[in-house]
Protein backbone atom coordinates (compact mmCIF):
# COMPACT_ATOMS: atom_id res chain seq x y z
CA MET A 1 -26.20 63.95 2.14
CA ILE A 2 -28.57 60.87 2.89
CA ARG A 3 -26.60 58.78 0.46
CA PRO A 4 -23.11 59.25 2.20
CA MET A 5 -24.78 58.75 5.58
CA ARG A 6 -26.37 55.44 4.40
CA THR A 7 -22.98 54.39 3.08
CA ILE A 8 -21.30 55.05 6.37
CA LEU A 9 -23.99 53.29 8.27
CA LEU A 10 -23.85 50.13 6.05
CA ALA A 11 -20.09 50.19 6.20
CA THR A 12 -20.27 50.39 10.13
CA LEU A 13 -22.83 47.63 10.25
CA ALA A 14 -20.87 45.44 7.99
CA ALA A 15 -17.64 46.01 10.09
CA ALA A 16 -19.53 45.08 13.23
CA LEU A 17 -20.92 41.97 11.67
CA LEU A 18 -17.56 40.86 10.15
CA SER A 19 -15.81 41.40 13.38
CA GLY A 20 -18.31 39.03 15.07
CA CYS A 21 -17.59 36.46 12.33
CA VAL A 22 -13.83 36.69 13.00
CA ALA A 23 -14.40 36.27 16.66
CA ALA A 24 -16.60 33.28 15.98
CA VAL A 25 -14.07 31.73 13.68
CA VAL A 26 -11.15 32.42 16.11
CA GLY A 27 -13.24 31.36 19.09
CA GLY A 28 -14.53 28.30 17.22
CA THR A 29 -10.97 27.22 16.56
CA ALA A 30 -9.91 27.86 20.10
CA ALA A 31 -12.95 26.06 21.49
CA GLY A 32 -12.23 23.14 19.21
CA VAL A 33 -8.72 22.71 20.69
CA GLY A 34 -9.43 23.83 24.34
CA HIS A 35 -9.79 20.29 25.63
CA ASP A 36 -7.23 18.71 23.24
CA ARG A 37 -3.92 17.48 24.71
CA ARG A 38 -2.27 18.55 21.50
CA SER A 39 -1.05 21.97 21.11
CA TRP A 40 -3.23 24.24 18.89
CA THR A 41 -0.47 24.35 16.28
CA THR A 42 -0.41 20.58 16.16
CA VAL A 43 -4.21 20.46 15.74
CA ILE A 44 -3.98 22.96 12.88
CA GLY A 45 -0.97 21.14 11.41
CA ASP A 46 -2.81 17.70 11.56
CA ARG A 47 -5.87 19.30 9.80
CA ASN A 48 -3.67 20.75 7.20
CA ILE A 49 -1.71 17.63 6.56
CA GLN A 50 -5.10 15.64 6.28
CA ALA A 51 -6.61 18.05 3.88
CA THR A 52 -3.38 18.09 1.78
CA ALA A 53 -3.14 14.33 1.75
CA TYR A 54 -6.79 14.04 0.63
CA ASP A 55 -6.16 16.49 -2.07
CA ASN A 56 -3.15 14.59 -3.41
CA TYR A 57 -4.94 11.30 -3.05
CA ASN A 58 -7.96 12.57 -5.06
CA LYS A 59 -5.75 13.54 -7.93
CA ASP A 60 -5.39 9.85 -8.70
CA LYS A 61 -8.77 9.37 -10.29
CA GLU A 62 -8.47 5.52 -10.29
CA LEU A 63 -7.86 5.58 -6.47
CA ALA A 64 -10.35 8.22 -5.69
CA LEU A 65 -13.33 7.00 -7.81
CA LYS A 66 -13.06 3.18 -7.75
CA ASN A 67 -11.77 2.58 -4.15
CA ASN A 68 -12.62 3.67 -0.69
CA VAL A 69 -9.87 5.10 1.50
CA SER A 70 -10.09 7.29 4.63
CA ILE A 71 -7.20 9.32 5.97
CA VAL A 72 -6.99 10.42 9.59
CA VAL A 73 -4.15 12.52 11.00
CA TYR A 74 -3.72 12.81 14.85
CA ASN A 75 -0.58 14.23 16.47
CA GLY A 76 1.50 13.54 13.49
CA VAL A 77 0.42 9.98 12.95
CA MET A 78 -1.36 9.21 9.72
CA LEU A 79 -3.90 6.42 9.61
CA LEU A 80 -5.12 4.91 6.33
CA VAL A 81 -8.21 2.72 6.43
CA GLY A 82 -10.66 1.34 3.77
CA GLU A 83 -10.27 -0.93 0.80
CA VAL A 84 -8.67 -1.02 -2.68
CA ARG A 85 -8.99 -3.66 -5.34
CA THR A 86 -5.22 -4.58 -5.65
CA ALA A 87 -2.04 -4.70 -3.65
CA GLU A 88 -0.53 -2.19 -6.12
CA LEU A 89 -3.33 0.28 -5.48
CA LYS A 90 -2.67 -0.11 -1.82
CA GLN A 91 1.00 0.80 -2.27
CA ARG A 92 -0.04 3.70 -4.62
CA ALA A 93 -2.30 5.00 -2.03
CA GLU A 94 0.33 5.02 0.58
CA ARG A 95 2.79 6.72 -1.83
CA ARG A 96 0.32 9.44 -2.61
CA VAL A 97 -0.03 10.43 1.04
CA SER A 98 3.58 9.86 2.18
CA GLY A 99 6.39 12.32 2.80
CA TYR A 100 4.60 15.23 4.49
CA ASP A 101 6.47 17.32 7.02
CA GLY A 102 4.91 16.77 10.44
CA VAL A 103 4.01 13.13 9.78
CA ARG A 104 6.05 10.90 12.21
CA LYS A 105 4.35 7.70 11.45
CA LEU A 106 2.20 6.22 8.78
CA VAL A 107 -0.15 3.31 9.68
CA ASN A 108 -1.51 1.70 6.58
CA GLU A 109 -4.62 -0.49 7.44
CA ILE A 110 -6.04 -0.53 3.94
CA GLU A 111 -7.41 -3.89 2.87
CA VAL A 112 -7.12 -5.36 -0.50
CA ARG A 113 -10.67 -6.26 -1.45
CA GLU A 114 -13.71 -5.01 -3.25
CA PRO A 115 -14.83 -1.67 -1.86
CA GLU A 116 -17.78 -1.91 0.45
CA GLY A 117 -21.05 -0.43 -0.54
CA PHE A 118 -23.07 2.44 0.99
CA LEU A 119 -24.90 0.28 3.60
CA SER A 120 -21.54 -1.19 4.86
CA GLN A 121 -20.07 2.35 5.17
CA ARG A 122 -23.21 3.60 6.87
CA ARG A 123 -22.89 0.66 9.39
CA ASP A 124 -19.30 1.65 10.11
CA ASN A 125 -20.39 5.32 10.68
CA THR A 126 -23.08 4.10 13.04
CA ILE A 127 -20.54 1.94 15.00
CA THR A 128 -18.36 5.15 15.23
CA ALA A 129 -21.25 7.21 16.56
CA HIS A 130 -22.26 4.51 19.11
CA VAL A 131 -18.63 4.23 20.43
CA LYS A 132 -18.32 7.97 20.75
CA THR A 133 -21.61 8.16 22.59
CA ALA A 134 -20.55 5.22 24.88
CA LEU A 135 -17.43 7.07 25.87
CA LEU A 136 -19.65 9.67 27.54
CA ASP A 137 -20.20 7.04 30.32
CA ILE A 138 -16.57 7.41 31.46
CA VAL A 139 -17.02 9.76 34.32
CA ASP A 140 -14.81 8.04 37.00
CA LEU A 141 -11.40 8.67 35.32
CA PRO A 142 -10.19 12.11 36.60
CA GLY A 143 -9.41 14.39 33.67
CA PHE A 144 -10.85 12.08 30.97
CA ASP A 145 -12.47 13.93 28.09
CA PRO A 146 -14.00 11.79 25.38
CA THR A 147 -13.43 14.64 22.80
CA ARG A 148 -9.76 13.79 23.10
CA VAL A 149 -10.19 10.37 21.45
CA ASN A 150 -10.54 10.06 17.60
CA ILE A 151 -12.63 7.10 16.61
CA THR A 152 -12.68 5.73 13.14
CA THR A 153 -14.33 2.55 11.96
CA ALA A 154 -13.69 0.49 8.81
CA HIS A 155 -15.05 -3.07 8.27
CA ARG A 156 -16.44 -3.26 11.81
CA THR A 157 -12.93 -2.61 13.16
CA VAL A 158 -12.56 0.45 15.55
CA TYR A 159 -9.44 2.46 15.39
CA ILE A 160 -8.66 4.49 18.34
CA MET A 161 -6.34 7.44 18.21
CA GLY A 162 -5.28 10.01 20.91
CA LEU A 163 -2.96 11.02 23.53
CA LEU A 164 -4.25 8.95 26.59
CA SER A 165 -3.07 7.57 29.78
CA ARG A 166 -2.93 3.71 29.95
CA ASP A 167 -5.94 3.62 32.23
CA GLU A 168 -7.86 5.74 29.71
CA ALA A 169 -6.77 3.65 26.85
CA GLU A 170 -7.92 0.42 28.55
CA ARG A 171 -11.22 1.85 29.37
CA VAL A 172 -11.84 3.32 25.87
CA ALA A 173 -10.80 0.01 24.26
CA GLU A 174 -13.06 -2.05 26.66
CA ILE A 175 -16.09 0.25 25.89
CA ALA A 176 -15.39 0.07 22.14
CA ARG A 177 -15.21 -3.77 22.26
CA ASN A 178 -18.60 -3.97 23.89
CA VAL A 179 -20.45 -1.90 21.26
CA SER A 180 -22.77 -3.84 19.09
CA GLY A 181 -21.31 -4.65 15.70
CA VAL A 182 -17.62 -4.12 16.67
CA GLU A 183 -15.51 -7.06 15.55
CA LYS A 184 -12.09 -5.70 16.49
CA VAL A 185 -10.37 -2.72 18.25
CA VAL A 186 -7.03 -1.40 17.05
CA ARG A 187 -5.05 1.14 19.19
CA VAL A 188 -3.16 3.77 17.28
CA LEU A 189 -2.37 5.64 20.40
CA GLU A 190 0.38 7.50 22.13
CA TYR A 191 0.38 7.22 26.01
CA GLN A 192 0.78 10.00 28.32
CA ASP A 193 2.31 7.92 31.25
């Protein structure tokens, strides 16, 4: 009698805990897109395209292990940044990630050069963090939310992606230009106005 009661109690407890996990996962996804100007289906689609593109890219071991390429997808626009050793590898990288349903535009900003080392990549990551933090200072533009802006940095060049008004885009670009270490700002944006 005690054993079946314990089983029922454990099953009830597990069901309660798992329902909390499901709510957290669903709530986490909803919270992640709550401020986004993209629809939740577009956000999920972008994430799926990016994951699939990385998976396909990583199947080419020469590309994946001897070069440095980042893939970012935002509102159906795919951005490729980083470095590869030859022009043929740049074309090959683009071919590996091309042709996905839902990608409206592919922007290939991969540079042909020796891949940068860990310290250079870390510097770029630091620049990205500083730009994102600096965007928190934009408090005078009605409706602006810095979480709507995707910032990616490669070779001290900051790439800005998002669905922004022209005023928002100008302000974001100006702030990014003034962050220490930034050499160039590239807008890969769609304008709301």
